Amino acid sequence: METQSIVDRLLKNMGNMHELGRQRAFELGNPFYAQFKEDGDYWRKEMPTGEKYLVTIDVIFDEHDMPVDVKDTIIKKLDNL
């Protein structure tokens, strides 16, 4: 029986990438940000507690042009969708 590498398995099911990013953000105690077409130029921010917000974001870069922080501004709280 041929075994698949983890990369091959992830690439086979690209639909799970969103969920893996969300899970990892929560493991680190961070919020998860995602953009959805229906939200226009805004982002959705989901907290590990399940609270969801519509926000704008500003990515802060260091002197090497590497992202180091995300500052968000809450536009409104979203009901659990």
N, C-alpha and C. Protein backbone atom coordinates (compact mmCIF):
# COMPACT_ATOMS: atom_id res chain seq x y z
N MET A 1 0.85 -1.18 0.00
CA MET A 1 0.00 0.00 0.00
C MET A 1 0.90 1.25 0.00
N GLU A 2 0.55 2.21 -0.86
CA GLU A 2 1.31 3.45 -0.98
C GLU A 2 0.84 4.46 0.07
N THR A 3 1.79 5.09 0.76
CA THR A 3 1.42 6.10 1.75
C THR A 3 1.57 7.49 1.14
N GLN A 4 0.70 8.40 1.57
CA GLN A 4 0.76 9.78 1.10
C GLN A 4 1.41 10.65 2.16
N SER A 5 2.17 11.63 1.69
CA SER A 5 2.75 12.57 2.62
C SER A 5 1.65 13.51 3.13
N ILE A 6 1.92 14.18 4.22
CA ILE A 6 0.93 15.13 4.76
C ILE A 6 0.65 16.24 3.76
N VAL A 7 1.66 16.66 3.01
CA VAL A 7 1.47 17.70 2.00
C VAL A 7 0.52 17.22 0.91
N ASP A 8 0.72 15.99 0.45
CA ASP A 8 -0.18 15.43 -0.57
C ASP A 8 -1.61 15.36 -0.06
N ARG A 9 -1.79 14.97 1.19
CA ARG A 9 -3.14 14.90 1.76
C ARG A 9 -3.77 16.28 1.89
N LEU A 10 -2.99 17.28 2.30
CA LEU A 10 -3.52 18.64 2.42
C LEU A 10 -3.88 19.21 1.05
N LEU A 11 -3.02 18.97 0.06
CA LEU A 11 -3.29 19.50 -1.27
C LEU A 11 -4.50 18.82 -1.92
N LYS A 12 -4.74 17.58 -1.55
CA LYS A 12 -5.88 16.85 -2.10
C LYS A 12 -7.20 17.48 -1.64
N ASN A 13 -7.21 18.03 -0.44
CA ASN A 13 -8.43 18.62 0.10
C ASN A 13 -8.15 20.05 0.53
N MET A 14 -8.00 20.95 -0.44
CA MET A 14 -7.68 22.35 -0.15
C MET A 14 -8.81 23.05 0.60
N GLY A 15 -9.99 22.51 0.59
CA GLY A 15 -11.11 23.12 1.30
C GLY A 15 -10.92 23.18 2.80
N ASN A 16 -10.00 22.42 3.35
CA ASN A 16 -9.80 22.41 4.79
C ASN A 16 -8.77 23.43 5.26
N MET A 17 -8.13 24.16 4.35
CA MET A 17 -7.08 25.11 4.74
C MET A 17 -7.63 26.21 5.64
N HIS A 18 -8.81 26.71 5.35
CA HIS A 18 -9.45 27.74 6.17
C HIS A 18 -9.60 27.24 7.60
N GLU A 19 -10.10 26.03 7.75
CA GLU A 19 -10.33 25.47 9.08
C GLU A 19 -9.01 25.20 9.82
N LEU A 20 -7.97 24.78 9.10
CA LEU A 20 -6.67 24.55 9.75
C LEU A 20 -6.08 25.85 10.26
N GLY A 21 -6.21 26.93 9.49
CA GLY A 21 -5.72 28.23 9.93
C GLY A 21 -6.47 28.72 11.15
N ARG A 22 -7.78 28.53 11.14
CA ARG A 22 -8.63 28.93 12.27
C ARG A 22 -8.22 28.16 13.53
N GLN A 23 -8.07 26.86 13.37
CA GLN A 23 -7.70 26.01 14.51
C GLN A 23 -6.35 26.43 15.08
N ARG A 24 -5.39 26.69 14.22
CA ARG A 24 -4.04 27.06 14.69
C ARG A 24 -4.05 28.42 15.39
N ALA A 25 -4.80 29.38 14.84
CA ALA A 25 -4.90 30.69 15.49
C ALA A 25 -5.45 30.54 16.90
N PHE A 26 -6.49 29.73 17.06
CA PHE A 26 -7.09 29.53 18.38
C PHE A 26 -6.15 28.80 19.32
N GLU A 27 -5.38 27.83 18.80
CA GLU A 27 -4.40 27.14 19.64
C GLU A 27 -3.39 28.11 20.21
N LEU A 28 -3.05 29.14 19.44
CA LEU A 28 -2.09 30.15 19.89
C LEU A 28 -2.75 31.25 20.73
N GLY A 29 -4.07 31.17 20.90
CA GLY A 29 -4.79 32.18 21.68
C GLY A 29 -5.07 33.46 20.90
N ASN A 30 -4.98 33.39 19.58
CA ASN A 30 -5.19 34.55 18.73
C ASN A 30 -6.57 34.52 18.07
N PRO A 31 -7.04 35.68 17.64
CA PRO A 31 -8.27 35.68 16.84
C PRO A 31 -7.96 35.18 15.43
N PHE A 32 -9.00 34.79 14.73
CA PHE A 32 -8.86 34.34 13.34
C PHE A 32 -9.56 35.36 12.45
N TYR A 33 -8.88 35.80 11.40
CA TYR A 33 -9.42 36.76 10.45
C TYR A 33 -9.67 36.08 9.10
N ALA A 34 -10.79 36.39 8.48
CA ALA A 34 -11.10 35.86 7.15
C ALA A 34 -11.95 36.87 6.39
N GLN A 35 -11.81 36.89 5.08
CA GLN A 35 -12.62 37.76 4.24
C GLN A 35 -13.65 36.92 3.50
N PHE A 36 -14.86 37.46 3.42
CA PHE A 36 -15.94 36.82 2.69
C PHE A 36 -16.53 37.82 1.72
N LYS A 37 -16.89 37.36 0.56
CA LYS A 37 -17.41 38.21 -0.50
C LYS A 37 -18.57 39.08 -0.01
N GLU A 38 -19.45 38.50 0.76
CA GLU A 38 -20.64 39.23 1.23
C GLU A 38 -20.32 40.36 2.21
N ASP A 39 -19.10 40.40 2.73
CA ASP A 39 -18.71 41.45 3.68
C ASP A 39 -18.01 42.63 3.00
N GLY A 40 -17.90 42.60 1.68
CA GLY A 40 -17.24 43.70 0.97
C GLY A 40 -15.78 43.81 1.35
N ASP A 41 -15.34 45.02 1.71
CA ASP A 41 -13.94 45.25 2.05
C ASP A 41 -13.61 44.96 3.52
N TYR A 42 -14.60 44.54 4.30
CA TYR A 42 -14.38 44.25 5.72
C TYR A 42 -13.89 42.83 5.92
N TRP A 43 -13.35 42.59 7.08
CA TRP A 43 -12.89 41.26 7.50
C TRP A 43 -13.79 40.76 8.62
N ARG A 44 -13.87 39.46 8.77
CA ARG A 44 -14.52 38.86 9.94
C ARG A 44 -13.43 38.45 10.91
N LYS A 45 -13.65 38.81 12.16
CA LYS A 45 -12.73 38.44 13.23
C LYS A 45 -13.48 37.49 14.15
N GLU A 46 -12.93 36.30 14.33
CA GLU A 46 -13.55 35.33 15.23
C GLU A 46 -12.61 35.08 16.40
N MET A 47 -13.16 35.20 17.58
CA MET A 47 -12.38 34.97 18.80
C MET A 47 -12.45 33.50 19.19
N PRO A 48 -11.48 33.01 19.94
CA PRO A 48 -11.54 31.62 20.41
C PRO A 48 -12.80 31.33 21.23
N THR A 49 -13.44 32.37 21.78
CA THR A 49 -14.67 32.20 22.55
C THR A 49 -15.90 32.04 21.67
N GLY A 50 -15.74 32.26 20.35
CA GLY A 50 -16.86 32.15 19.43
C GLY A 50 -17.48 33.47 19.04
N GLU A 51 -17.08 34.55 19.71
CA GLU A 51 -17.59 35.88 19.34
C GLU A 51 -17.07 36.25 17.95
N LYS A 52 -17.94 36.89 17.15
CA LYS A 52 -17.55 37.28 15.79
C LYS A 52 -17.83 38.75 15.58
N TYR A 53 -16.92 39.40 14.84
CA TYR A 53 -17.03 40.83 14.57
C TYR A 53 -16.72 41.10 13.11
N LEU A 54 -17.29 42.18 12.61
CA LEU A 54 -16.91 42.72 11.31
C LEU A 54 -15.93 43.84 11.61
N VAL A 55 -14.73 43.78 11.00
CA VAL A 55 -13.65 44.71 11.34
C VAL A 55 -12.93 45.21 10.09
N THR A 56 -12.19 46.30 10.28
CA THR A 56 -11.16 46.69 9.32
C THR A 56 -9.84 46.32 9.97
N ILE A 57 -8.83 46.02 9.15
CA ILE A 57 -7.53 45.66 9.73
C ILE A 57 -6.42 46.51 9.14
N ASP A 58 -5.40 46.68 9.95
CA ASP A 58 -4.18 47.36 9.53
C ASP A 58 -3.02 46.46 9.95
N VAL A 59 -2.27 45.96 8.99
CA VAL A 59 -1.14 45.09 9.27
C VAL A 59 0.09 45.95 9.54
N ILE A 60 0.75 45.71 10.67
CA ILE A 60 1.95 46.45 11.07
C ILE A 60 3.17 45.64 10.64
N PHE A 61 4.09 46.32 9.93
CA PHE A 61 5.31 45.67 9.43
C PHE A 61 6.53 46.19 10.18
N ASP A 62 7.56 45.33 10.29
CA ASP A 62 8.82 45.77 10.90
C ASP A 62 9.73 46.39 9.84
N GLU A 63 10.96 46.72 10.25
CA GLU A 63 11.89 47.38 9.34
C GLU A 63 12.33 46.50 8.17
N HIS A 64 12.05 45.19 8.26
CA HIS A 64 12.39 44.26 7.18
C HIS A 64 11.17 43.92 6.33
N ASP A 65 10.12 44.72 6.50
CA ASP A 65 8.87 44.55 5.76
C ASP A 65 8.19 43.21 6.04
N MET A 66 8.40 42.72 7.26
CA MET A 66 7.74 41.48 7.70
C MET A 66 6.56 41.85 8.60
N PRO A 67 5.41 41.20 8.43
CA PRO A 67 4.26 41.51 9.29
C PRO A 67 4.53 41.09 10.73
N VAL A 68 4.25 41.98 11.68
CA VAL A 68 4.50 41.69 13.09
C VAL A 68 3.26 41.82 13.96
N ASP A 69 2.22 42.49 13.47
CA ASP A 69 1.02 42.68 14.28
C ASP A 69 -0.15 43.04 13.37
N VAL A 70 -1.34 42.79 13.88
CA VAL A 70 -2.57 43.17 13.19
C VAL A 70 -3.38 44.03 14.15
N LYS A 71 -3.68 45.24 13.73
CA LYS A 71 -4.55 46.13 14.51
C LYS A 71 -5.90 46.14 13.81
N ASP A 72 -6.95 45.91 14.58
CA ASP A 72 -8.27 45.91 13.96
C ASP A 72 -9.17 46.94 14.61
N THR A 73 -10.15 47.39 13.85
CA THR A 73 -11.16 48.32 14.33
C THR A 73 -12.51 47.65 14.13
N ILE A 74 -13.24 47.48 15.22
CA ILE A 74 -14.53 46.80 15.15
C ILE A 74 -15.57 47.72 14.52
N ILE A 75 -16.23 47.21 13.49
CA ILE A 75 -17.31 47.92 12.83
C ILE A 75 -18.64 47.54 13.51
N LYS A 76 -18.83 46.25 13.70
CA LYS A 76 -20.02 45.78 14.44
C LYS A 76 -19.83 44.35 14.89
N LYS A 77 -20.54 43.97 15.94
CA LYS A 77 -20.55 42.60 16.42
C LYS A 77 -21.54 41.82 15.57
N LEU A 78 -21.17 40.62 15.18
CA LEU A 78 -22.04 39.77 14.37
C LEU A 78 -22.74 38.76 15.27
N ASP A 79 -23.97 38.47 14.94
CA ASP A 79 -24.68 37.39 15.62
C ASP A 79 -24.02 36.09 15.19
N ASN A 80 -24.14 35.08 16.02
CA ASN A 80 -23.59 33.78 15.62
C ASN A 80 -24.28 33.35 14.34
N LEU A 81 -23.48 33.14 13.30
CA LEU A 81 -24.02 32.80 11.98
C LEU A 81 -24.06 31.31 11.80
